[in-house]
Amino acid sequence: MDACGQKYEITRTRTSRVKPVQMEVDQEKIDDMVASNDMDDKPIIVSKENYIIDGHHRYFANKQMKRGYISVIRTNMDLNRSLTFADEYATNQSTEPTGSE
């Protein structure tokens, strides 16, 4: 996000304050993350209102493990702008040359 000029903070917040926007998740993936304790504390990305932009499986695994806190990267954008930014970023990443030409 630094390269894109967007401000953010990396912090920890109560899991109960984070709001998922995606309810269809791969429960098997979540169960595997819980069983292997494989979340490596990689932060999830949330909007300024704490809506999840990226990291739903990590959030649900964290919640299933009854952890009280989760690491987040909180953007300074609202949900709609965050989702638009994420979509534009992903599109730009997939159209950039890979150097293998």
N, C-alpha and C. Protein backbone atom coordinates (compact mmCIF):
# COMPACT_ATOMS: atom_id res chain seq x y z
N MET A 1 0.82 -1.19 0.00
CA MET A 1 0.00 0.00 0.00
C MET A 1 0.87 1.25 0.00
N ASP A 2 2.07 1.16 0.55
CA ASP A 2 2.97 2.32 0.52
C ASP A 2 3.22 2.78 -0.91
N ALA A 3 3.49 1.82 -1.79
CA ALA A 3 3.80 2.16 -3.18
C ALA A 3 2.61 2.80 -3.88
N CYS A 4 1.42 2.55 -3.38
CA CYS A 4 0.20 3.10 -3.99
C CYS A 4 -0.23 4.40 -3.32
N GLY A 5 0.51 4.83 -2.32
CA GLY A 5 0.19 6.09 -1.66
C GLY A 5 -0.96 6.03 -0.67
N GLN A 6 -1.33 4.82 -0.23
CA GLN A 6 -2.43 4.69 0.72
C GLN A 6 -1.88 4.58 2.14
N LYS A 7 -2.51 5.28 3.06
CA LYS A 7 -2.09 5.23 4.46
C LYS A 7 -2.75 4.05 5.15
N TYR A 8 -2.03 3.48 6.11
CA TYR A 8 -2.54 2.34 6.86
C TYR A 8 -1.79 2.24 8.18
N GLU A 9 -2.31 1.40 9.08
CA GLU A 9 -1.62 1.10 10.32
C GLU A 9 -1.66 -0.39 10.55
N ILE A 10 -0.60 -0.92 11.12
CA ILE A 10 -0.56 -2.33 11.49
C ILE A 10 -0.73 -2.38 13.00
N THR A 11 -1.73 -3.15 13.44
CA THR A 11 -2.05 -3.19 14.87
C THR A 11 -2.73 -4.51 15.20
N ARG A 12 -3.13 -4.65 16.43
CA ARG A 12 -3.95 -5.80 16.85
C ARG A 12 -5.27 -5.23 17.34
N THR A 13 -6.34 -5.97 17.09
CA THR A 13 -7.65 -5.53 17.54
C THR A 13 -8.42 -6.75 18.04
N ARG A 14 -9.44 -6.50 18.79
CA ARG A 14 -10.30 -7.60 19.26
C ARG A 14 -10.95 -8.28 18.07
N THR A 15 -10.92 -9.59 18.07
CA THR A 15 -11.54 -10.35 16.99
C THR A 15 -13.01 -9.98 16.86
N SER A 16 -13.67 -9.71 17.96
CA SER A 16 -15.10 -9.38 17.93
C SER A 16 -15.39 -8.05 17.23
N ARG A 17 -14.39 -7.21 17.06
CA ARG A 17 -14.60 -5.91 16.39
C ARG A 17 -14.47 -6.00 14.87
N VAL A 18 -13.92 -7.10 14.38
CA VAL A 18 -13.71 -7.27 12.95
C VAL A 18 -14.98 -7.83 12.31
N LYS A 19 -15.32 -7.30 11.12
CA LYS A 19 -16.59 -7.63 10.47
C LYS A 19 -16.35 -8.29 9.12
N PRO A 20 -16.70 -9.58 9.00
CA PRO A 20 -16.54 -10.24 7.70
C PRO A 20 -17.56 -9.74 6.69
N VAL A 21 -17.18 -9.72 5.43
CA VAL A 21 -18.11 -9.37 4.35
C VAL A 21 -18.32 -10.57 3.42
N GLN A 22 -17.53 -11.60 3.60
CA GLN A 22 -17.61 -12.81 2.79
C GLN A 22 -18.02 -13.95 3.71
N MET A 23 -19.17 -14.54 3.46
CA MET A 23 -19.63 -15.62 4.32
C MET A 23 -19.39 -17.00 3.72
N GLU A 24 -19.14 -17.06 2.42
CA GLU A 24 -18.85 -18.34 1.79
C GLU A 24 -17.35 -18.56 1.85
N VAL A 25 -16.94 -19.46 2.73
CA VAL A 25 -15.52 -19.76 2.90
C VAL A 25 -15.33 -21.27 2.84
N ASP A 26 -14.10 -21.69 2.64
CA ASP A 26 -13.75 -23.10 2.57
C ASP A 26 -13.49 -23.60 4.00
N GLN A 27 -14.48 -24.27 4.58
CA GLN A 27 -14.36 -24.72 5.96
C GLN A 27 -13.20 -25.68 6.14
N GLU A 28 -12.93 -26.48 5.12
CA GLU A 28 -11.80 -27.42 5.20
C GLU A 28 -10.47 -26.65 5.34
N LYS A 29 -10.34 -25.56 4.60
CA LYS A 29 -9.14 -24.72 4.70
C LYS A 29 -9.02 -24.13 6.11
N ILE A 30 -10.14 -23.69 6.65
CA ILE A 30 -10.15 -23.14 8.01
C ILE A 30 -9.75 -24.21 9.02
N ASP A 31 -10.34 -25.40 8.89
CA ASP A 31 -10.01 -26.51 9.80
C ASP A 31 -8.54 -26.88 9.72
N ASP A 32 -7.98 -26.88 8.49
CA ASP A 32 -6.55 -27.17 8.32
C ASP A 32 -5.69 -26.12 9.01
N MET A 33 -6.09 -24.85 8.88
CA MET A 33 -5.33 -23.77 9.53
C MET A 33 -5.37 -23.93 11.04
N VAL A 34 -6.52 -24.30 11.57
CA VAL A 34 -6.66 -24.49 13.02
C VAL A 34 -5.84 -25.68 13.47
N ALA A 35 -5.95 -26.80 12.74
CA ALA A 35 -5.25 -28.03 13.13
C ALA A 35 -3.73 -27.84 13.13
N SER A 36 -3.23 -27.10 12.17
CA SER A 36 -1.78 -26.91 12.06
C SER A 36 -1.31 -25.63 12.74
N ASN A 37 -2.27 -24.88 13.29
CA ASN A 37 -1.98 -23.58 13.90
C ASN A 37 -1.18 -22.72 12.91
N ASP A 38 -1.60 -22.79 11.64
CA ASP A 38 -0.85 -22.17 10.54
C ASP A 38 -1.47 -20.84 10.13
N MET A 39 -1.36 -19.87 11.00
CA MET A 39 -1.82 -18.53 10.65
C MET A 39 -0.66 -17.55 10.73
N ASP A 40 0.46 -17.99 11.23
CA ASP A 40 1.72 -17.25 11.36
C ASP A 40 1.53 -15.77 11.67
N ASP A 41 0.42 -15.46 12.26
CA ASP A 41 0.11 -14.08 12.69
C ASP A 41 0.20 -13.08 11.54
N LYS A 42 0.02 -13.56 10.30
CA LYS A 42 -0.03 -12.66 9.15
C LYS A 42 -1.29 -11.81 9.29
N PRO A 43 -1.15 -10.50 9.27
CA PRO A 43 -2.32 -9.64 9.49
C PRO A 43 -3.36 -9.77 8.37
N ILE A 44 -4.60 -9.60 8.74
CA ILE A 44 -5.66 -9.49 7.75
C ILE A 44 -5.79 -8.00 7.39
N ILE A 45 -6.36 -7.71 6.25
CA ILE A 45 -6.53 -6.31 5.83
C ILE A 45 -7.98 -5.91 6.07
N VAL A 46 -8.16 -4.79 6.77
CA VAL A 46 -9.51 -4.30 7.08
C VAL A 46 -9.65 -2.84 6.67
N SER A 47 -10.88 -2.44 6.43
CA SER A 47 -11.18 -1.03 6.15
C SER A 47 -11.13 -0.24 7.44
N LYS A 48 -11.28 1.07 7.34
CA LYS A 48 -11.24 1.89 8.56
C LYS A 48 -12.39 1.57 9.51
N GLU A 49 -13.46 0.94 8.99
CA GLU A 49 -14.58 0.54 9.86
C GLU A 49 -14.45 -0.91 10.34
N ASN A 50 -13.29 -1.54 10.05
CA ASN A 50 -12.98 -2.92 10.45
C ASN A 50 -13.69 -4.00 9.63
N TYR A 51 -14.15 -3.66 8.42
CA TYR A 51 -14.66 -4.69 7.52
C TYR A 51 -13.47 -5.40 6.86
N ILE A 52 -13.53 -6.72 6.78
CA ILE A 52 -12.41 -7.48 6.22
C ILE A 52 -12.37 -7.31 4.70
N ILE A 53 -11.20 -6.93 4.20
CA ILE A 53 -10.95 -6.81 2.78
C ILE A 53 -10.25 -8.08 2.29
N ASP A 54 -9.28 -8.57 3.06
CA ASP A 54 -8.54 -9.78 2.73
C ASP A 54 -8.18 -10.50 4.02
N GLY A 55 -8.42 -11.81 4.04
CA GLY A 55 -8.05 -12.59 5.22
C GLY A 55 -9.21 -13.27 5.91
N HIS A 56 -10.29 -13.52 5.18
CA HIS A 56 -11.46 -14.13 5.80
C HIS A 56 -11.16 -15.51 6.41
N HIS A 57 -10.39 -16.34 5.71
CA HIS A 57 -10.09 -17.66 6.27
C HIS A 57 -9.27 -17.54 7.56
N ARG A 58 -8.31 -16.63 7.59
CA ARG A 58 -7.52 -16.42 8.81
C ARG A 58 -8.42 -15.89 9.94
N TYR A 59 -9.35 -15.01 9.58
CA TYR A 59 -10.28 -14.48 10.59
C TYR A 59 -11.12 -15.61 11.19
N PHE A 60 -11.73 -16.44 10.33
CA PHE A 60 -12.60 -17.51 10.83
C PHE A 60 -11.80 -18.56 11.60
N ALA A 61 -10.55 -18.83 11.19
CA ALA A 61 -9.71 -19.76 11.95
C ALA A 61 -9.39 -19.17 13.32
N ASN A 62 -9.06 -17.89 13.35
CA ASN A 62 -8.78 -17.20 14.60
C ASN A 62 -9.99 -17.25 15.52
N LYS A 63 -11.15 -17.02 14.95
CA LYS A 63 -12.39 -17.03 15.73
C LYS A 63 -12.69 -18.44 16.24
N GLN A 64 -12.48 -19.45 15.38
CA GLN A 64 -12.72 -20.83 15.77
C GLN A 64 -11.80 -21.26 16.91
N MET A 65 -10.59 -20.69 16.92
CA MET A 65 -9.63 -21.00 17.98
C MET A 65 -9.89 -20.18 19.25
N LYS A 66 -10.92 -19.32 19.18
CA LYS A 66 -11.32 -18.48 20.30
C LYS A 66 -10.20 -17.55 20.77
N ARG A 67 -9.42 -17.06 19.81
CA ARG A 67 -8.40 -16.07 20.13
C ARG A 67 -9.10 -14.72 20.27
N GLY A 68 -8.73 -13.99 21.27
CA GLY A 68 -9.40 -12.72 21.54
C GLY A 68 -8.95 -11.57 20.66
N TYR A 69 -7.74 -11.69 20.08
CA TYR A 69 -7.19 -10.61 19.27
C TYR A 69 -6.69 -11.15 17.94
N ILE A 70 -6.63 -10.24 16.96
CA ILE A 70 -6.12 -10.60 15.64
C ILE A 70 -5.30 -9.43 15.10
N SER A 71 -4.22 -9.76 14.39
CA SER A 71 -3.39 -8.73 13.78
C SER A 71 -4.07 -8.22 12.51
N VAL A 72 -4.08 -6.90 12.35
CA VAL A 72 -4.73 -6.30 11.18
C VAL A 72 -3.85 -5.22 10.56
N ILE A 73 -4.06 -5.04 9.27
CA ILE A 73 -3.58 -3.86 8.57
C ILE A 73 -4.84 -3.06 8.29
N ARG A 74 -4.98 -1.92 8.95
CA ARG A 74 -6.18 -1.10 8.82
C ARG A 74 -5.90 0.03 7.83
N THR A 75 -6.68 0.06 6.76
CA THR A 75 -6.53 1.13 5.77
C THR A 75 -7.21 2.40 6.28
N ASN A 76 -6.98 3.49 5.60
CA ASN A 76 -7.66 4.74 5.96
C ASN A 76 -8.87 4.96 5.06
N MET A 77 -9.31 3.90 4.36
CA MET A 77 -10.42 4.00 3.41
C MET A 77 -11.65 3.28 3.96
N ASP A 78 -12.83 3.74 3.53
CA ASP A 78 -14.05 3.04 3.91
C ASP A 78 -14.15 1.73 3.12
N LEU A 79 -15.16 0.94 3.42
CA LEU A 79 -15.30 -0.39 2.81
C LEU A 79 -15.35 -0.32 1.29
N ASN A 80 -16.22 0.52 0.74
CA ASN A 80 -16.36 0.57 -0.72
C ASN A 80 -15.08 0.98 -1.40
N ARG A 81 -14.41 1.99 -0.88
CA ARG A 81 -13.15 2.44 -1.49
C ARG A 81 -12.07 1.37 -1.33
N SER A 82 -12.04 0.69 -0.20
CA SER A 82 -11.07 -0.37 0.03
C SER A 82 -11.25 -1.51 -0.96
N LEU A 83 -12.50 -1.89 -1.19
CA LEU A 83 -12.77 -2.98 -2.14
C LEU A 83 -12.39 -2.57 -3.56
N THR A 84 -12.70 -1.33 -3.94
CA THR A 84 -12.33 -0.83 -5.26
C THR A 84 -10.82 -0.80 -5.40
N PHE A 85 -10.13 -0.31 -4.37
CA PHE A 85 -8.67 -0.25 -4.39
C PHE A 85 -8.08 -1.64 -4.54
N ALA A 86 -8.59 -2.61 -3.78
CA ALA A 86 -8.08 -3.98 -3.84
C ALA A 86 -8.28 -4.58 -5.22
N ASP A 87 -9.44 -4.33 -5.81
CA ASP A 87 -9.73 -4.84 -7.15
C ASP A 87 -8.80 -4.21 -8.19
N GLU A 88 -8.62 -2.90 -8.10
CA GLU A 88 -7.72 -2.21 -9.03
C GLU A 88 -6.28 -2.69 -8.86
N TYR A 89 -5.87 -2.89 -7.62
CA TYR A 89 -4.51 -3.35 -7.35
C TYR A 89 -4.30 -4.74 -7.95
N ALA A 90 -5.26 -5.64 -7.73
CA ALA A 90 -5.15 -7.00 -8.27
C ALA A 90 -5.11 -6.98 -9.79
N THR A 91 -5.92 -6.14 -10.40
CA THR A 91 -5.95 -6.03 -11.86
C THR A 91 -4.60 -5.53 -12.37
N ASN A 92 -4.05 -4.51 -11.73
CA ASN A 92 -2.75 -3.97 -12.13
C ASN A 92 -1.64 -4.97 -11.97
N GLN A 93 -1.70 -5.77 -10.91
CA GLN A 93 -0.67 -6.79 -10.67
C GLN A 93 -0.69 -7.85 -11.75
N SER A 94 -1.88 -8.21 -12.22
CA SER A 94 -1.99 -9.28 -13.22
C SER A 94 -1.65 -8.80 -14.62
N THR A 95 -1.59 -7.48 -14.85
CA THR A 95 -1.27 -6.99 -16.18
C THR A 95 0.16 -6.49 -16.31
N GLU A 96 0.90 -6.45 -15.20
CA GLU A 96 2.29 -6.00 -15.26
C GLU A 96 3.17 -7.10 -15.85
N PRO A 97 4.17 -6.74 -16.61
CA PRO A 97 5.10 -7.75 -17.17
C PRO A 97 5.81 -8.49 -16.05
N THR A 98 6.06 -9.76 -16.28
CA THR A 98 6.69 -10.59 -15.27
C THR A 98 8.19 -10.66 -15.45
N GLY A 99 8.71 -10.17 -16.55
CA GLY A 99 10.14 -10.22 -16.78
C GLY A 99 10.59 -11.50 -17.43
N SER A 100 9.65 -12.36 -17.78
CA SER A 100 10.01 -13.64 -18.39
C SER A 100 9.82 -13.63 -19.89
N GLU A 101 9.77 -12.44 -20.47
CA GLU A 101 9.54 -12.35 -21.92
C GLU A 101 10.81 -12.57 -22.68
